[in-house]
């Protein structure tokens, strides 16, 4: 429980300290230096000025290196493919003797480039889809380049990556919805690939917990994982404090779904409580 409590504090710290007003303001800085002309992205508005300096150094150095590799009189440009409060992605382009591309995914909470393992469980199936190909995040999925320097012309939708998501971080780049017991029986309209985080009161120390009861009988429902969330004011050293089980799931096919959840001990067939939620997915 102590680890869960500390994770909660960490998430609150990231939310309140990194950004004052929301998503990253990515500004255009004009470039005119010797053989390199054009524009590069710089970020502004980060609460921690040292993080902001680190991020802009990463962007400027990447643009400089790409221009040198392109050779000749080089035109530098960029495209912002993704922008969220704690991360963003850009593709740099250098057109000179040859045209080269460089994708950069920035973690604003660290001031560094993102690590794949922060967002995905890197397994054999994931490697078969993504492998060592350079990628950037976009609104609908990952954009991949066939090799270093190539254009980012291949897209893998997030729906194809649902079972590899790290639930601790996936809400940073996926559109997600928090649902509680207050809306039991109601209907939530979604798009394919949207993330649902269902918060239900529980006390796992009693042996009871919430389980998705009928997902294996419905094609299109993708279970991502479960977690347990302690109240902010809970003492992490006290055993048996009730909190909320969080069930993460999504849908990889359009349709109408009625998903049932049961509060039970796993070794007992009969549930002590049930909840039903409806979803229309487009």
Protein backbone atom coordinates (compact mmCIF):
# COMPACT_ATOMS: atom_id res chain seq x y z
CA UNK A 1 0.00 0.00 0.00
CA UNK A 2 2.89 2.31 0.72
CA UNK A 3 4.02 2.10 -2.91
CA UNK A 4 0.51 2.94 -4.14
CA UNK A 5 0.35 5.94 -1.82
CA UNK A 6 3.72 7.22 -3.02
CA UNK A 7 2.68 6.72 -6.66
CA UNK A 8 -0.40 8.82 -5.98
CA UNK A 9 1.73 11.63 -4.56
CA UNK A 10 4.08 11.41 -7.55
CA UNK A 11 1.23 11.71 -10.04
CA UNK A 12 -0.16 14.72 -8.17
CA UNK A 13 3.26 16.35 -8.16
CA UNK A 14 3.61 15.89 -11.93
CA UNK A 15 0.13 17.27 -12.54
CA UNK A 16 0.50 20.37 -10.37
CA UNK A 17 4.16 21.29 -10.87
CA UNK A 18 5.03 20.69 -14.52
CA UNK A 19 2.44 22.87 -16.23
CA UNK A 20 0.55 25.90 -15.03
CA UNK A 21 -2.01 26.14 -17.84
CA UNK A 22 -2.21 22.88 -19.79
CA UNK A 23 -0.59 21.60 -22.94
CA UNK A 24 2.83 22.66 -24.14
CA UNK A 25 3.18 26.00 -25.94
CA UNK A 26 5.57 25.04 -28.74
CA UNK A 27 6.94 28.17 -30.34
CA UNK A 28 8.63 28.70 -33.69
CA UNK A 29 12.18 30.04 -33.63
CA UNK A 30 13.60 31.27 -36.93
CA UNK A 31 16.99 29.88 -37.84
CA UNK A 32 19.61 31.63 -39.95
CA UNK A 33 23.07 30.27 -39.33
CA UNK A 34 25.57 29.71 -42.13
CA UNK A 35 24.25 27.00 -44.41
CA UNK A 36 21.17 26.32 -42.27
CA UNK A 37 17.96 28.30 -42.72
CA UNK A 38 14.37 27.75 -41.63
CA UNK A 39 12.70 27.26 -38.25
CA UNK A 40 12.96 24.99 -35.22
CA UNK A 41 10.57 24.31 -32.30
CA UNK A 42 11.19 25.59 -28.80
CA UNK A 43 8.99 25.05 -25.75
CA UNK A 44 7.83 27.71 -23.29
CA UNK A 45 5.78 27.81 -20.08
CA UNK A 46 7.41 24.95 -18.17
CA UNK A 47 7.23 25.59 -14.42
CA UNK A 48 10.77 24.33 -13.89
CA UNK A 49 13.02 26.60 -15.97
CA UNK A 50 15.84 24.02 -15.90
CA UNK A 51 13.58 21.42 -17.50
CA UNK A 52 12.63 23.95 -20.16
CA UNK A 53 16.30 24.67 -20.90
CA UNK A 54 17.04 20.94 -21.17
CA UNK A 55 14.16 20.39 -23.58
CA UNK A 56 15.16 23.27 -25.84
CA UNK A 57 18.77 22.11 -25.84
CA UNK A 58 17.63 18.65 -26.99
CA UNK A 59 15.58 20.19 -29.82
CA UNK A 60 18.27 22.62 -30.98
CA UNK A 61 21.06 20.04 -30.91
CA UNK A 62 18.92 17.53 -32.84
CA UNK A 63 18.12 20.15 -35.52
CA UNK A 64 21.79 21.13 -35.79
CA UNK A 65 22.94 17.51 -36.16
CA UNK A 66 20.23 16.70 -38.71
CA UNK A 67 21.21 19.73 -40.80
CA UNK A 68 24.87 18.70 -40.79
CA UNK A 69 23.96 15.17 -41.87
CA UNK A 70 21.74 16.47 -44.71
CA UNK A 71 24.69 18.47 -46.06
CA UNK A 72 24.91 21.51 -48.31
CA UNK A 73 22.61 24.51 -48.04
CA UNK A 74 19.97 23.13 -45.70
CA UNK A 75 16.39 24.15 -44.99
CA UNK A 76 15.14 23.10 -41.53
CA UNK A 77 11.45 22.70 -40.71
CA UNK A 78 9.29 20.76 -38.27
CA UNK A 79 5.85 19.32 -37.62
CA UNK A 80 4.21 18.91 -34.20
CA UNK A 81 2.46 15.53 -34.31
CA UNK A 82 1.31 15.33 -30.70
CA UNK A 83 0.90 17.67 -27.73
CA UNK A 84 -0.18 16.82 -24.19
CA UNK A 85 0.44 18.53 -20.81
CA UNK A 86 3.32 16.20 -19.89
CA UNK A 87 4.73 15.21 -23.29
CA UNK A 88 4.88 16.15 -26.95
CA UNK A 89 6.28 14.85 -30.24
CA UNK A 90 7.79 16.62 -33.23
CA UNK A 91 9.32 15.57 -36.55
CA UNK A 92 12.30 17.62 -37.71
CA UNK A 93 13.03 17.80 -41.46
CA UNK A 94 16.32 18.85 -43.04
CA UNK A 95 16.37 19.32 -46.84
CA UNK A 96 19.87 19.79 -48.26
CA UNK A 97 22.04 17.53 -50.42
CA UNK A 98 19.65 14.89 -49.12
CA UNK A 99 16.40 15.05 -47.17
CA UNK A 100 16.40 13.59 -43.66
CA UNK A 101 13.83 13.32 -40.87
CA UNK A 102 14.21 12.99 -37.11
CA UNK A 103 11.36 12.24 -34.70
CA UNK A 104 11.61 13.40 -31.09
CA UNK A 105 9.30 12.46 -28.21
CA UNK A 106 9.83 14.76 -25.22
CA UNK A 107 8.92 13.87 -21.63
CA UNK A 108 8.32 17.25 -20.04
CA UNK A 109 8.42 15.80 -16.52
CA UNK A 110 12.09 14.85 -16.97
CA UNK A 111 13.23 17.29 -19.66
CA UNK A 112 14.52 14.39 -21.73
CA UNK A 113 13.45 12.18 -24.63
CA UNK A 114 10.87 9.54 -23.78
CA UNK A 115 11.80 5.92 -23.16
CA UNK A 116 9.61 3.31 -24.88
CA UNK A 117 9.54 1.23 -21.69
CA UNK A 118 7.81 4.10 -19.87
CA UNK A 119 4.72 3.61 -22.02
CA UNK A 120 4.73 0.04 -23.35
CA UNK A 121 5.60 -3.44 -22.18
CA UNK A 122 8.19 -4.40 -24.77
CA UNK A 123 7.34 -8.01 -25.60
CA UNK A 124 7.89 -10.17 -28.70
CA UNK A 125 4.57 -9.16 -30.28
CA UNK A 126 5.30 -5.49 -29.64
CA UNK A 127 8.73 -5.89 -31.22
CA UNK A 128 7.12 -7.51 -34.26
CA UNK A 129 4.95 -4.40 -34.71
CA UNK A 130 7.39 -1.64 -33.79
CA UNK A 131 10.81 -3.23 -33.39
CA UNK A 132 13.69 -0.77 -33.53
CA UNK A 133 11.96 1.60 -35.96
CA UNK A 134 12.03 5.28 -35.00
CA UNK A 135 8.56 6.53 -34.02
CA UNK A 136 6.64 9.53 -32.76
CA UNK A 137 3.29 9.78 -31.06
CA UNK A 138 0.28 11.18 -32.91
CA UNK A 139 -3.38 11.62 -32.02
CA UNK A 140 -4.43 8.24 -33.41
CA UNK A 141 -1.34 6.06 -33.10
CA UNK A 142 2.41 5.78 -33.53
CA UNK A 143 4.00 7.13 -36.72
CA UNK A 144 6.97 5.00 -37.78
CA UNK A 145 9.92 5.50 -40.08
CA UNK A 146 11.40 2.52 -41.91
CA UNK A 147 14.89 3.53 -40.74
CA UNK A 148 16.85 6.41 -39.23
CA UNK A 149 16.48 9.49 -41.44
CA UNK A 150 13.50 8.17 -43.38
CA UNK A 151 10.07 9.82 -43.52
CA UNK A 152 7.48 8.84 -40.90
CA UNK A 153 5.02 7.30 -43.32
CA UNK A 154 3.74 4.21 -41.46
CA UNK A 155 1.06 4.35 -38.78
CA UNK A 156 0.17 1.80 -36.11
CA UNK A 157 -3.14 2.70 -34.42
CA UNK A 158 -3.26 2.62 -30.63
CA UNK A 159 -5.94 -0.06 -30.86
CA UNK A 160 -3.25 -2.46 -32.11
CA UNK A 161 -1.11 -1.66 -29.07
CA UNK A 162 -3.71 -1.83 -26.29
CA UNK A 163 -2.45 -5.05 -24.71
CA UNK A 164 1.09 -3.66 -24.44
CA UNK A 165 0.15 -0.44 -22.62
CA UNK A 166 1.80 0.45 -19.32
CA UNK A 167 -1.25 1.48 -17.27
CA UNK A 168 0.83 3.83 -15.12
CA UNK A 169 1.60 6.04 -18.12
CA UNK A 170 -0.82 5.33 -20.97
CA UNK A 171 -3.28 8.05 -19.92
CA UNK A 172 -0.54 10.58 -20.73
CA UNK A 173 -0.98 10.01 -24.46
CA UNK A 174 -4.37 8.31 -24.90
CA UNK A 175 -7.79 9.92 -24.66
CA UNK A 176 -9.25 8.55 -21.45
CA UNK A 177 -12.40 8.76 -19.34
CA UNK A 178 -12.81 8.27 -15.60
CA UNK A 179 -16.02 6.43 -14.67
CA UNK A 180 -17.34 5.81 -11.12
CA UNK A 181 -20.09 3.88 -9.36
CA UNK A 182 -22.32 6.98 -9.60
CA UNK A 183 -23.03 6.28 -13.28
CA UNK A 184 -23.69 2.54 -12.99
CA UNK A 185 -26.26 1.51 -15.60
CA UNK A 186 -25.65 4.59 -17.74
CA UNK A 187 -24.17 4.69 -21.27
CA UNK A 188 -20.84 6.26 -22.26
CA UNK A 189 -20.23 7.06 -25.96
CA UNK A 190 -16.61 6.39 -27.01
CA UNK A 191 -14.35 6.14 -29.99
CA UNK A 192 -12.39 2.99 -30.78
CA UNK A 193 -9.18 3.03 -28.74
CA UNK A 194 -10.39 5.39 -26.02
CA UNK A 195 -9.25 4.39 -22.55
CA UNK A 196 -11.72 3.80 -19.71
CA UNK A 197 -10.63 3.95 -16.06
CA UNK A 198 -13.40 2.55 -13.85
CA UNK A 199 -13.09 3.50 -10.15
CA UNK A 200 -15.02 1.24 -7.77
CA UNK A 201 -14.81 1.27 -3.94
CA UNK A 202 -13.04 -1.80 -2.58
CA UNK A 203 -10.96 -3.28 0.20
CA UNK A 204 -8.66 -6.00 -1.18
CA UNK A 205 -7.41 -6.83 2.34
CA UNK A 206 -10.74 -8.64 2.89
CA UNK A 207 -10.09 -10.90 -0.10
CA UNK A 208 -12.74 -9.14 -2.17
CA UNK A 209 -11.99 -7.24 -5.35
CA UNK A 210 -13.65 -6.16 -8.59
CA UNK A 211 -13.40 -8.27 -11.75
CA UNK A 212 -14.67 -7.79 -15.29
CA UNK A 213 -17.14 -10.65 -15.53
CA UNK A 214 -18.03 -11.07 -19.20
CA UNK A 215 -15.21 -9.50 -21.23
CA UNK A 216 -13.98 -12.86 -22.50
CA UNK A 217 -17.40 -13.43 -24.07
CA UNK A 218 -17.39 -10.17 -26.03
CA UNK A 219 -15.12 -9.58 -28.98
CA UNK A 220 -13.90 -6.00 -28.94
CA UNK A 221 -13.33 -5.51 -25.20
CA UNK A 222 -9.65 -5.28 -24.27
CA UNK A 223 -8.71 -5.54 -20.60
CA UNK A 224 -5.54 -3.57 -19.88
CA UNK A 225 -5.02 -4.06 -16.15
CA UNK A 226 -6.07 -3.24 -12.59
CA UNK A 227 -4.68 -1.04 -9.86
CA UNK A 228 -5.63 0.04 -6.33
CA UNK A 229 -5.87 3.65 -5.26
CA UNK A 230 -5.70 4.79 -1.63
CA UNK A 231 -7.39 8.02 -0.49
CA UNK A 232 -4.93 10.92 -0.37
CA UNK A 233 -5.32 11.30 3.41
CA UNK A 234 -4.89 7.56 4.12
CA UNK A 235 -2.05 6.37 6.34
CA UNK A 236 0.07 4.06 4.13
CA UNK A 237 1.31 2.19 7.23
CA UNK A 238 -2.19 1.06 8.24
CA UNK A 239 -3.28 -2.30 6.83
CA UNK A 240 -6.85 -2.76 5.62
CA UNK A 241 -7.66 0.81 4.57
CA UNK A 242 -10.43 0.83 1.93
CA UNK A 243 -9.90 2.64 -1.34
CA UNK A 244 -10.76 2.20 -5.00
CA UNK A 245 -9.95 -0.56 -7.45
CA UNK A 246 -9.24 0.96 -10.86
CA UNK A 247 -10.02 -1.24 -13.85
CA UNK A 248 -8.46 -0.10 -17.12
CA UNK A 249 -9.96 -1.28 -20.40
CA UNK A 250 -10.69 -0.19 -23.94
CA UNK A 251 -12.42 -1.31 -27.14
CA UNK A 252 -10.78 -2.18 -30.44
CA UNK A 253 -14.00 -2.58 -32.45
CA UNK A 254 -17.10 -0.41 -32.92
CA UNK A 255 -20.29 -1.68 -31.36
CA UNK A 256 -22.65 -1.60 -28.40
CA UNK A 257 -21.35 -3.20 -25.22
CA UNK A 258 -22.85 -4.09 -21.84
CA UNK A 259 -19.94 -4.85 -19.51
CA UNK A 260 -20.55 -6.51 -16.14
CA UNK A 261 -18.32 -6.25 -13.08
CA UNK A 262 -18.40 -8.42 -9.97
CA UNK A 263 -17.13 -7.77 -6.44
CA UNK A 264 -16.08 -11.15 -5.13
CA UNK A 265 -13.39 -13.36 -3.69
CA UNK A 266 -11.68 -15.15 -6.59
CA UNK A 267 -12.17 -18.59 -5.01
CA UNK A 268 -15.93 -18.04 -4.51
CA UNK A 269 -18.26 -18.23 -7.52
CA UNK A 270 -21.03 -16.02 -6.10
CA UNK A 271 -20.43 -12.26 -6.23
CA UNK A 272 -21.44 -10.05 -3.30
CA UNK A 273 -22.14 -7.10 -5.60
CA UNK A 274 -22.44 -6.48 -9.34
CA UNK A 275 -22.23 -3.39 -11.54
CA UNK A 276 -23.15 -2.93 -15.21
CA UNK A 277 -21.97 -0.20 -17.58
CA UNK A 278 -22.98 0.42 -21.18
CA UNK A 279 -20.74 1.72 -23.98
CA UNK A 280 -21.46 2.73 -27.55
CA UNK A 281 -18.21 2.69 -29.52
CA UNK A 282 -17.76 4.31 -32.92
